[in-house]
PDB file of N, CA and C in Angstrom:
ATOM      1  N   MET A   1       0.985  -1.302   0.068  1.00  0.00           N
ATOM      2  CA  MET A   1      -0.392  -0.418   0.038  1.00  0.00           C
ATOM      3  C   MET A   1       0.894   1.649  -0.075  1.00  0.00           C
ATOM      4  N   PRO A   2       0.809   2.287  -0.617  1.00  0.00           N
ATOM      5  CA  PRO A   2       1.231   3.575  -0.958  1.00  0.00           C
ATOM      6  C   PRO A   2       1.676   4.202   0.899  1.00  0.00           C
ATOM      7  N   VAL A   3       2.734   4.737   0.869  1.00  0.00           N
ATOM      8  CA  VAL A   3       2.365   5.306   1.983  1.00  0.00           C
ATOM      9  C   VAL A   3       3.149   6.770   2.476  1.00  0.00           C
ATOM     10  N   ALA A   4       2.281   7.190   2.726  1.00  0.00           N
ATOM     11  CA  ALA A   4       2.771   9.031   2.414  1.00  0.00           C
ATOM     12  C   ALA A   4       4.379   9.165   3.253  1.00  0.00           C
ATOM     13  N   GLY A   5       5.243   9.889   2.356  1.00  0.00           N
ATOM     14  CA  GLY A   5       6.428  10.119   2.777  1.00  0.00           C
ATOM     15  C   GLY A   5       7.169   8.895   2.768  1.00  0.00           C
ATOM     16  N   VAL A   6       7.161   8.455   1.886  1.00  0.00           N
ATOM     17  CA  VAL A   6       8.068   6.565   2.208  1.00  0.00           C
ATOM     18  C   VAL A   6       8.156   7.106   0.743  1.00  0.00           C
ATOM     19  N   GLY A   7       9.327   7.626  -0.190  1.00  0.00           N
ATOM     20  CA  GLY A   7       9.520   7.870  -1.318  1.00  0.00           C
ATOM     21  C   GLY A   7       9.224   6.707  -2.020  1.00  0.00           C
ATOM     22  N   PRO A   8       8.837   6.950  -3.650  1.00  0.00           N
ATOM     23  CA  PRO A   8       8.484   9.180  -3.859  1.00  0.00           C
ATOM     24  C   PRO A   8       7.653   9.302  -3.425  1.00  0.00           C
ATOM     25  N   LEU A   9       7.123   9.022  -2.854  1.00  0.00           N
ATOM     26  CA  LEU A   9       5.603   9.927  -2.385  1.00  0.00           C
ATOM     27  C   LEU A   9       6.343  11.070  -1.538  1.00  0.00           C
ATOM     28  N   PRO A  10       5.309  12.483  -1.794  1.00  0.00           N
ATOM     29  CA  PRO A  10       5.011  13.150  -0.359  1.00  0.00           C
ATOM     30  C   PRO A  10       5.013  12.907   0.432  1.00  0.00           C
ATOM     31  N   ASP A  11       4.886  13.696   1.761  1.00  0.00           N
ATOM     32  CA  ASP A  11       4.599  13.923   3.027  1.00  0.00           C
ATOM     33  C   ASP A  11       2.984  14.100   2.695  1.00  0.00           C
ATOM     34  N   LYS A  12       1.982  13.549   3.746  1.00  0.00           N
ATOM     35  CA  LYS A  12       0.353  14.438   3.657  1.00  0.00           C
ATOM     36  C   LYS A  12       0.613  15.819   3.259  1.00  0.00           C
ATOM     37  N   ALA A  13       1.131  16.264   4.002  1.00  0.00           N
ATOM     38  CA  ALA A  13       0.677  18.476   3.526  1.00  0.00           C
ATOM     39  C   ALA A  13       1.198  18.441   1.991  1.00  0.00           C
ATOM     40  N   GLY A  14       2.710  17.685   1.734  1.00  0.00           N
ATOM     41  CA  GLY A  14       3.191  18.074   0.316  1.00  0.00           C
ATOM     42  C   GLY A  14       2.070  17.739  -1.163  1.00  0.00           C
ATOM     43  N   TRP A  15       1.195  16.301  -0.411  1.00  0.00           N
ATOM     44  CA  TRP A  15       0.657  15.636  -1.429  1.00  0.00           C
ATOM     45  C   TRP A  15      -0.311  16.077  -1.478  1.00  0.00           C
ATOM     46  N   ALA A  16      -1.462  17.080  -0.109  1.00  0.00           N
ATOM     47  CA  ALA A  16      -2.464  18.071  -0.229  1.00  0.00           C
ATOM     48  C   ALA A  16      -1.911  19.022  -1.203  1.00  0.00           C
ATOM     49  N   THR A  17      -0.984  19.682  -0.672  1.00  0.00           N
ATOM     50  CA  THR A  17      -0.580  20.578  -1.907  1.00  0.00           C
ATOM     51  C   THR A  17      -0.691  20.771  -3.305  1.00  0.00           C
ATOM     52  N   CYS A  18       0.410  19.783  -3.655  1.00  0.00           N
ATOM     53  CA  CYS A  18       0.145  19.289  -5.471  1.00  0.00           C
ATOM     54  C   CYS A  18      -1.351  18.379  -5.566  1.00  0.00           C
ATOM     55  N   LEU A  19      -2.014  18.041  -4.927  1.00  0.00           N
ATOM     56  CA  LEU A  19      -3.065  17.300  -5.385  1.00  0.00           C
ATOM     57  C   LEU A  19      -4.161  18.973  -5.652  1.00  0.00           C
ATOM     58  N   THR A  20      -4.097  20.367  -4.799  1.00  0.00           N
ATOM     59  CA  THR A  20      -4.674  21.598  -4.810  1.00  0.00           C
ATOM     60  C   THR A  20      -4.254  22.173  -6.369  1.00  0.00           C
ATOM     61  N   ARG A  21      -2.735  22.098  -6.440  1.00  0.00           N
ATOM     62  CA  ARG A  21      -2.292  22.714  -7.855  1.00  0.00           C
ATOM     63  C   ARG A  21      -2.722  21.636  -8.902  1.00  0.00           C
ATOM     64  N   ARG A  22      -2.164  20.489  -9.367  1.00  0.00           N
ATOM     65  CA  ARG A  22      -2.691  20.049 -10.154  1.00  0.00           C
ATOM     66  C   ARG A  22      -4.280  19.393 -10.342  1.00  0.00           C
ATOM     67  N   ALA A  23      -5.154  19.814  -9.790  1.00  0.00           N
ATOM     68  CA  ALA A  23      -6.406  19.409  -9.750  1.00  0.00           C
ATOM     69  C   ALA A  23      -7.209  20.058 -10.843  1.00  0.00           C
ATOM     70  N   PRO A  24      -6.909  21.958 -10.929  1.00  0.00           N
ATOM     71  CA  PRO A  24      -7.969  21.978 -12.339  1.00  0.00           C
ATOM     72  C   PRO A  24      -7.895  21.318 -13.043  1.00  0.00           C
ATOM     73  N   GLY A  25      -8.858  21.714 -14.166  1.00  0.00           N
ATOM     74  CA  GLY A  25      -9.205  20.855 -15.515  1.00  0.00           C
ATOM     75  C   GLY A  25      -8.359  19.774 -15.593  1.00  0.00           C
ATOM     76  N   LEU A  26      -8.051  18.351 -14.310  1.00  0.00           N
ATOM     77  CA  LEU A  26      -7.957  17.370 -14.391  1.00  0.00           C
ATOM     78  C   LEU A  26      -9.153  16.592 -14.950  1.00  0.00           C
ATOM     79  N   ASP A  27      -9.019  15.276 -15.721  1.00  0.00           N
ATOM     80  CA  ASP A  27     -10.646  14.238 -15.927  1.00  0.00           C
ATOM     81  C   ASP A  27      -9.774  13.039 -14.863  1.00  0.00           C
ATOM     82  N   VAL A  28     -10.910  12.864 -14.308  1.00  0.00           N
ATOM     83  CA  VAL A  28     -10.198  11.544 -12.960  1.00  0.00           C
ATOM     84  C   VAL A  28     -12.227  10.990 -13.026  1.00  0.00           C
ATOM     85  N   ILE A  29     -11.670   9.760 -12.859  1.00  0.00           N
ATOM     86  CA  ILE A  29     -12.580   8.410 -12.801  1.00  0.00           C
ATOM     87  C   ILE A  29     -12.103   7.662 -11.622  1.00  0.00           C
ATOM     88  N   ILE A  30     -12.914   7.862 -10.624  1.00  0.00           N
ATOM     89  CA  ILE A  30     -12.826   7.230  -9.525  1.00  0.00           C
ATOM     90  C   ILE A  30     -13.555   6.248  -9.114  1.00  0.00           C
ATOM     91  N   GLY A  31     -13.633   5.065  -8.677  1.00  0.00           N
ATOM     92  CA  GLY A  31     -14.842   3.946  -8.181  1.00  0.00           C
ATOM     93  C   GLY A  31     -14.343   3.139  -7.611  1.00  0.00           C
ATOM     94  N   THR A  32     -14.840   1.989  -7.187  1.00  0.00           N
ATOM     95  CA  THR A  32     -14.380   0.750  -6.148  1.00  0.00           C
ATOM     96  C   THR A  32     -15.286  -0.037  -6.657  1.00  0.00           C
ATOM     97  N   THR A  33     -15.746  -1.535  -6.589  1.00  0.00           N
ATOM     98  CA  THR A  33     -16.343  -2.150  -6.808  1.00  0.00           C
ATOM     99  C   THR A  33     -17.081  -2.538  -5.655  1.00  0.00           C
ATOM    100  N   GLY A  34     -18.544  -3.129  -5.627  1.00  0.00           N
ATOM    101  CA  GLY A  34     -18.884  -3.871  -4.802  1.00  0.00           C
ATOM    102  C   GLY A  34     -18.772  -4.346  -3.790  1.00  0.00           C
ATOM    103  N   ARG A  35     -17.899  -5.456  -4.214  1.00  0.00           N
ATOM    104  CA  ARG A  35     -16.865  -6.773  -3.580  1.00  0.00           C
ATOM    105  C   ARG A  35     -15.677  -6.800  -3.422  1.00  0.00           C
ATOM    106  N   GLU A  36     -15.014  -5.591  -3.211  1.00  0.00           N
ATOM    107  CA  GLU A  36     -13.867  -5.300  -3.474  1.00  0.00           C
ATOM    108  C   GLU A  36     -12.363  -6.400  -1.876  1.00  0.00           C
ATOM    109  N   MET A  37     -13.063  -6.641  -1.153  1.00  0.00           N
ATOM    110  CA  MET A  37     -12.526  -7.532  -0.027  1.00  0.00           C
ATOM    111  C   MET A  37     -13.060  -8.971  -0.637  1.00  0.00           C
ATOM    112  N   GLY A  38     -14.224  -8.883  -1.539  1.00  0.00           N
ATOM    113  CA  GLY A  38     -13.899 -10.777  -2.245  1.00  0.00           C
ATOM    114  C   GLY A  38     -12.662 -11.591  -2.147  1.00  0.00           C
ATOM    115  N   ALA A  39     -11.724 -10.915  -3.031  1.00  0.00           N
ATOM    116  CA  ALA A  39     -10.365 -11.731  -3.030  1.00  0.00           C
ATOM    117  C   ALA A  39      -9.634 -11.823  -2.011  1.00  0.00           C
ATOM    118  N   SER A  40      -9.640 -11.071  -1.377  1.00  0.00           N
ATOM    119  CA  SER A  40      -8.824 -10.783  -0.356  1.00  0.00           C
ATOM    120  C   SER A  40      -9.612 -12.166   1.284  1.00  0.00           C
ATOM    121  N   TYR A  41     -11.067 -12.131   0.654  1.00  0.00           N
ATOM    122  CA  TYR A  41     -11.316 -12.608   1.870  1.00  0.00           C
ATOM    123  C   TYR A  41     -11.711 -14.598   1.567  1.00  0.00           C
ATOM    124  N   ALA A  42     -11.305 -14.219  -0.157  1.00  0.00           N
ATOM    125  CA  ALA A  42     -11.709 -15.963  -0.680  1.00  0.00           C
ATOM    126  C   ALA A  42     -10.284 -16.648  -0.049  1.00  0.00           C
ATOM    127  N   LEU A  43      -9.508 -16.104  -0.428  1.00  0.00           N
ATOM    128  CA  LEU A  43      -8.185 -16.426   0.200  1.00  0.00           C
ATOM    129  C   LEU A  43      -8.068 -16.707   1.748  1.00  0.00           C
ATOM    130  N   ASN A  44      -9.195 -16.325   2.426  1.00  0.00           N
ATOM    131  CA  ASN A  44      -8.773 -16.782   4.323  1.00  0.00           C
ATOM    132  C   ASN A  44      -9.575 -17.955   4.448  1.00  0.00           C
ATOM    133  N   PRO A  45      -8.598 -18.901   5.204  1.00  0.00           N
ATOM    134  CA  PRO A  45      -9.280 -19.569   5.240  1.00  0.00           C
ATOM    135  C   PRO A  45     -10.720 -19.808   6.501  1.00  0.00           C
ATOM    136  N   ALA A  46     -10.550 -18.929   7.490  1.00  0.00           N
ATOM    137  CA  ALA A  46     -11.672 -18.174   8.457  1.00  0.00           C
ATOM    138  C   ALA A  46     -12.492 -18.183   7.535  1.00  0.00           C
ATOM    139  N   PHE A  47     -12.690 -17.194   6.792  1.00  0.00           N
ATOM    140  CA  PHE A  47     -14.033 -16.686   5.445  1.00  0.00           C
ATOM    141  C   PHE A  47     -14.779 -17.585   5.245  1.00  0.00           C
ATOM    142  N   ARG A  48     -13.984 -18.821   4.585  1.00  0.00           N
ATOM    143  CA  ARG A  48     -14.224 -19.889   3.633  1.00  0.00           C
ATOM    144  C   ARG A  48     -14.933 -20.594   4.476  1.00  0.00           C
ATOM    145  N   ARG A  49     -14.589 -20.968   5.890  1.00  0.00           N
ATOM    146  CA  ARG A  49     -15.075 -21.565   6.758  1.00  0.00           C
ATOM    147  C   ARG A  49     -16.526 -21.318   7.131  1.00  0.00           C
ATOM    148  N   THR A  50     -16.480 -19.880   7.163  1.00  0.00           N
ATOM    149  CA  THR A  50     -18.018 -19.518   7.611  1.00  0.00           C
ATOM    150  C   THR A  50     -19.232 -18.696   6.801  1.00  0.00           C
ATOM    151  N   ARG A  51     -18.886 -18.765   5.743  1.00  0.00           N
ATOM    152  CA  ARG A  51     -19.340 -19.282   4.425  1.00  0.00           C
ATOM    153  C   ARG A  51     -20.212 -20.495   4.023  1.00  0.00           C
ATOM    154  N   ARG A  52     -19.874 -21.364   4.808  1.00  0.00           N
ATOM    155  CA  ARG A  52     -20.493 -22.932   4.692  1.00  0.00           C
ATOM    156  C   ARG A  52     -21.643 -23.002   5.866  1.00  0.00           C
ATOM    157  N   ILE A  53     -21.604 -22.243   6.705  1.00  0.00           N
ATOM    158  CA  ILE A  53     -22.343 -21.981   7.412  1.00  0.00           C
ATOM    159  C   ILE A  53     -23.718 -22.371   6.962  1.00  0.00           C
ATOM    160  N   PRO A  54     -24.854 -23.018   7.021  1.00  0.00           N
ATOM    161  CA  PRO A  54     -25.943 -22.332   6.432  1.00  0.00           C
ATOM    162  C   PRO A  54     -26.703 -21.207   6.856  1.00  0.00           C
ATOM    163  N   VAL A  55     -26.876 -20.134   6.071  1.00  0.00           N
ATOM    164  CA  VAL A  55     -27.528 -18.707   5.789  1.00  0.00           C
ATOM    165  C   VAL A  55     -26.766 -17.899   6.732  1.00  0.00           C
ATOM    166  N   MET A  56     -26.575 -17.970   7.865  1.00  0.00           N
ATOM    167  CA  MET A  56     -26.356 -16.851   9.247  1.00  0.00           C
ATOM    168  C   MET A  56     -24.800 -16.449   8.456  1.00  0.00           C
ATOM    169  N   GLY A  57     -23.733 -18.229   8.163  1.00  0.00           N
ATOM    170  CA  GLY A  57     -22.944 -17.657   8.249  1.00  0.00           C
ATOM    171  C   GLY A  57     -22.417 -16.578   6.972  1.00  0.00           C
ATOM    172  N   PHE A  58     -22.637 -16.955   6.437  1.00  0.00           N
ATOM    173  CA  PHE A  58     -23.063 -16.677   4.704  1.00  0.00           C
ATOM    174  C   PHE A  58     -23.486 -15.372   5.571  1.00  0.00           C
ATOM    175  N   MET A  59     -24.653 -14.596   5.438  1.00  0.00           N
ATOM    176  CA  MET A  59     -24.789 -13.182   5.383  1.00  0.00           C
ATOM    177  C   MET A  59     -23.713 -12.376   6.598  1.00  0.00           C
ATOM    178  N   LEU A  60     -23.215 -12.495   7.773  1.00  0.00           N
ATOM    179  CA  LEU A  60     -22.622 -12.574   8.452  1.00  0.00           C
ATOM    180  C   LEU A  60     -21.337 -12.142   7.628  1.00  0.00           C
ATOM    181  N   ALA A  61     -20.965 -13.473   7.431  1.00  0.00           N
ATOM    182  CA  ALA A  61     -19.579 -13.094   6.297  1.00  0.00           C
ATOM    183  C   ALA A  61     -19.912 -11.858   5.148  1.00  0.00           C
ATOM    184  N   ASN A  62     -20.658 -11.698   4.419  1.00  0.00           N
ATOM    185  CA  ASN A  62     -20.762 -11.025   3.257  1.00  0.00           C
ATOM    186  C   ASN A  62     -21.451  -9.508   3.907  1.00  0.00           C
ATOM    187  N   ARG A  63     -21.485  -9.540   5.342  1.00  0.00           N
ATOM    188  CA  ARG A  63     -22.070  -8.183   5.708  1.00  0.00           C
ATOM    189  C   ARG A  63     -19.916  -7.964   6.312  1.00  0.00           C
ATOM    190  N   ALA A  64     -19.345  -9.025   7.231  1.00  0.00           N
ATOM    191  CA  ALA A  64     -18.301  -8.023   7.325  1.00  0.00           C
ATOM    192  C   ALA A  64     -17.343  -7.808   6.278  1.00  0.00           C
ATOM    193  N   GLU A  65     -17.302  -8.437   4.275  1.00  0.00           N
ATOM    194  CA  GLU A  65     -16.907  -8.139   3.987  1.00  0.00           C
ATOM    195  C   GLU A  65     -17.127  -6.900   3.743  1.00  0.00           C
ATOM    196  N   LEU A  66     -18.422  -6.262   3.186  1.00  0.00           N
ATOM    197  CA  LEU A  66     -18.572  -5.277   2.490  1.00  0.00           C
ATOM    198  C   LEU A  66     -18.468  -3.948   3.344  1.00  0.00           C
ATOM    199  N   ALA A  67     -18.589  -4.591   5.254  1.00  0.00           N
ATOM    200  CA  ALA A  67     -18.176  -3.757   6.008  1.00  0.00           C
ATOM    201  C   ALA A  67     -16.400  -2.853   5.580  1.00  0.00           C
ATOM    202  N   VAL A  68     -16.156  -3.686   5.872  1.00  0.00           N
ATOM    203  CA  VAL A  68     -14.391  -3.709   5.500  1.00  0.00           C
ATOM    204  C   VAL A  68     -14.382  -3.092   4.083  1.00  0.00           C
ATOM    205  N   GLY A  69     -14.489  -3.015   3.277  1.00  0.00           N
ATOM    206  CA  GLY A  69     -14.679  -2.549   1.628  1.00  0.00           C
ATOM    207  C   GLY A  69     -15.213  -1.624   1.472  1.00  0.00           C
ATOM    208  N   THR A  70     -16.216  -1.227   2.227  1.00  0.00           N
ATOM    209  CA  THR A  70     -16.800   0.250   2.676  1.00  0.00           C
ATOM    210  C   THR A  70     -15.570   0.748   3.039  1.00  0.00           C
ATOM    211  N   ALA A  71     -15.026   1.135   4.054  1.00  0.00           N
ATOM    212  CA  ALA A  71     -14.008   1.641   5.109  1.00  0.00           C
ATOM    213  C   ALA A  71     -12.879   1.673   4.309  1.00  0.00           C
ATOM    214  N   ALA A  72     -12.361   0.879   3.519  1.00  0.00           N
ATOM    215  CA  ALA A  72     -10.873   0.507   3.234  1.00  0.00           C
ATOM    216  C   ALA A  72     -11.282   1.182   1.605  1.00  0.00           C
ATOM    217  N   PHE A  73     -11.882   1.326   1.377  1.00  0.00           N
ATOM    218  CA  PHE A  73     -11.881   1.122  -0.113  1.00  0.00           C
ATOM    219  C   PHE A  73     -12.882   2.571  -0.644  1.00  0.00           C
ATOM    220  N   TYR A  74     -14.086   2.191  -0.206  1.00  0.00           N
ATOM    221  CA  TYR A  74     -15.518   2.930  -0.728  1.00  0.00           C
ATOM    222  C   TYR A  74     -15.246   4.553  -0.817  1.00  0.00           C
ATOM    223  N   ARG A  75     -15.492   4.778   0.833  1.00  0.00           N
ATOM    224  CA  ARG A  75     -14.922   5.868   1.791  1.00  0.00           C
ATOM    225  C   ARG A  75     -14.141   6.662   1.248  1.00  0.00           C
ATOM    226  N   PRO A  76     -12.948   6.364   1.274  1.00  0.00           N
ATOM    227  CA  PRO A  76     -11.853   6.837   1.436  1.00  0.00           C
ATOM    228  C   PRO A  76     -11.704   7.561  -0.700  1.00  0.00           C
ATOM    229  N   ALA A  77     -12.239   6.756  -1.594  1.00  0.00           N
ATOM    230  CA  ALA A  77     -12.546   7.020  -3.406  1.00  0.00           C
ATOM    231  C   ALA A  77     -13.466   8.337  -2.775  1.00  0.00           C
ATOM    232  N   ARG A  78     -14.615   8.111  -2.294  1.00  0.00           N
ATOM    233  CA  ARG A  78     -15.281   9.421  -2.045  1.00  0.00           C
ATOM    234  C   ARG A  78     -14.808  10.442  -1.972  1.00  0.00           C
ATOM    235  N   ARG A  79     -14.006  10.376  -0.209  1.00  0.00           N
ATOM    236  CA  ARG A  79     -13.130  11.513   0.419  1.00  0.00           C
ATOM    237  C   ARG A  79     -11.967  12.336  -1.076  1.00  0.00           C
ATOM    238  N   LEU A  80     -12.039  11.346  -1.801  1.00  0.00           N
ATOM    239  CA  LEU A  80     -10.690  11.377  -2.907  1.00  0.00           C
ATOM    240  C   LEU A  80     -11.140  11.893  -3.658  1.00  0.00           C
ATOM    241  N   ALA A  81     -12.357  11.903  -4.173  1.00  0.00           N
ATOM    242  CA  ALA A  81     -13.458  12.523  -5.083  1.00  0.00           C
ATOM    243  C   ALA A  81     -13.942  14.020  -4.982  1.00  0.00           C
ATOM    244  N   SER A  82     -14.256  13.957  -3.506  1.00  0.00           N
ATOM    245  CA  SER A  82     -14.662  15.481  -3.342  1.00  0.00           C
ATOM    246  C   SER A  82     -13.290  16.431  -3.063  1.00  0.00           C
ATOM    247  N   ARG A  83     -12.122  16.227  -2.428  1.00  0.00           N
ATOM    248  CA  ARG A  83     -11.097  17.058  -2.785  1.00  0.00           C
ATOM    249  C   ARG A  83     -10.407  17.482  -3.700  1.00  0.00           C
ATOM    250  N   LEU A  84     -10.539  16.852  -5.237  1.00  0.00           N
ATOM    251  CA  LEU A  84     -10.052  17.042  -6.700  1.00  0.00           C
ATOM    252  C   LEU A  84     -11.398  17.247  -6.986  1.00  0.00           C
ATOM    253  N   SER A  85     -12.610  17.279  -6.985  1.00  0.00           N
ATOM    254  CA  SER A  85     -13.338  18.141  -7.482  1.00  0.00           C
ATOM    255  C   SER A  85     -13.548  19.681  -6.597  1.00  0.00           C
ATOM    256  N   ALA A  86     -13.318  18.957  -5.385  1.00  0.00           N
ATOM    257  CA  ALA A  86     -13.277  21.267  -4.751  1.00  0.00           C
ATOM    258  C   ALA A  86     -12.251  21.761  -5.269  1.00  0.00           C
ATOM    259  N   ALA A  87     -11.258  20.947  -5.510  1.00  0.00           N
ATOM    260  CA  ALA A  87      -9.750  21.936  -5.934  1.00  0.00           C
ATOM    261  C   ALA A  87      -9.733  21.946  -7.323  1.00  0.00           C
ATOM    262  N   GLY A  88     -11.072  21.835  -8.167  1.00  0.00           N
ATOM    263  CA  GLY A  88     -10.586  22.322  -9.846  1.00  0.00           C
ATOM    264  C   GLY A  88     -11.428  20.887 -10.742  1.00  0.00           C
ATOM    265  N   ALA A  89     -10.559  19.626 -10.214  1.00  0.00           N
ATOM    266  CA  ALA A  89     -10.960  18.925 -11.401  1.00  0.00           C
ATOM    267  C   ALA A  89     -12.661  18.274 -11.806  1.00  0.00           C
ATOM    268  N   ARG A  90     -12.704  17.299 -12.664  1.00  0.00           N
ATOM    269  CA  ARG A  90     -13.398  16.882 -13.136  1.00  0.00           C
ATOM    270  C   ARG A  90     -13.922  15.404 -12.685  1.00  0.00           C
ATOM    271  N   CYS A  91     -14.310  15.082 -12.203  1.00  0.00           N
ATOM    272  CA  CYS A  91     -14.584  13.877 -11.419  1.00  0.00           C
ATOM    273  C   CYS A  91     -16.017  12.992 -12.127  1.00  0.00           C
ATOM    274  N   GLY A  92     -15.681  11.603 -12.378  1.00  0.00           N
ATOM    275  CA  GLY A  92     -16.217  10.549 -12.661  1.00  0.00           C
ATOM    276  C   GLY A  92     -16.669  10.216 -11.790  1.00  0.00           C
ATOM    277  N   PRO A  93     -18.003   9.524 -11.660  1.00  0.00           N
ATOM    278  CA  PRO A  93     -18.908   9.135  -9.993  1.00  0.00           C
ATOM    279  C   PRO A  93     -18.207   7.596  -9.663  1.00  0.00           C
ATOM    280  N   THR A  94     -18.136   7.823  -8.139  1.00  0.00           N
ATOM    281  CA  THR A  94     -17.837   6.489  -7.362  1.00  0.00           C
ATOM    282  C   THR A  94     -18.832   5.358  -7.456  1.00  0.00           C
ATOM    283  N   SER A  95     -18.777   4.084  -7.563  1.00  0.00           N
ATOM    284  CA  SER A  95     -19.650   3.021  -7.625  1.00  0.00           C
ATOM    285  C   SER A  95     -19.747   2.556  -6.255  1.00  0.00           C
TER     286      SER A  95
END
């Protein structure tokens, strides 16, 4: 995962300045999938076992996958789109 302040990436303050400076007129499409964590969870033996439990196990595993995907991917994508848009970029929708 990219980490701010670890080369070649700027620190958080430098990143925000660069984003604001370069955003005007930039065309951006930002999005996520509905099951961003699916591949990660498919490899996790605990989630494979949980999904085998009739109905409730499957529902709980899906809820956990959705909650983590929303927190780790969807919300950050929306925040980035909002920041870029506020700085003058033309952003496509997130899903």
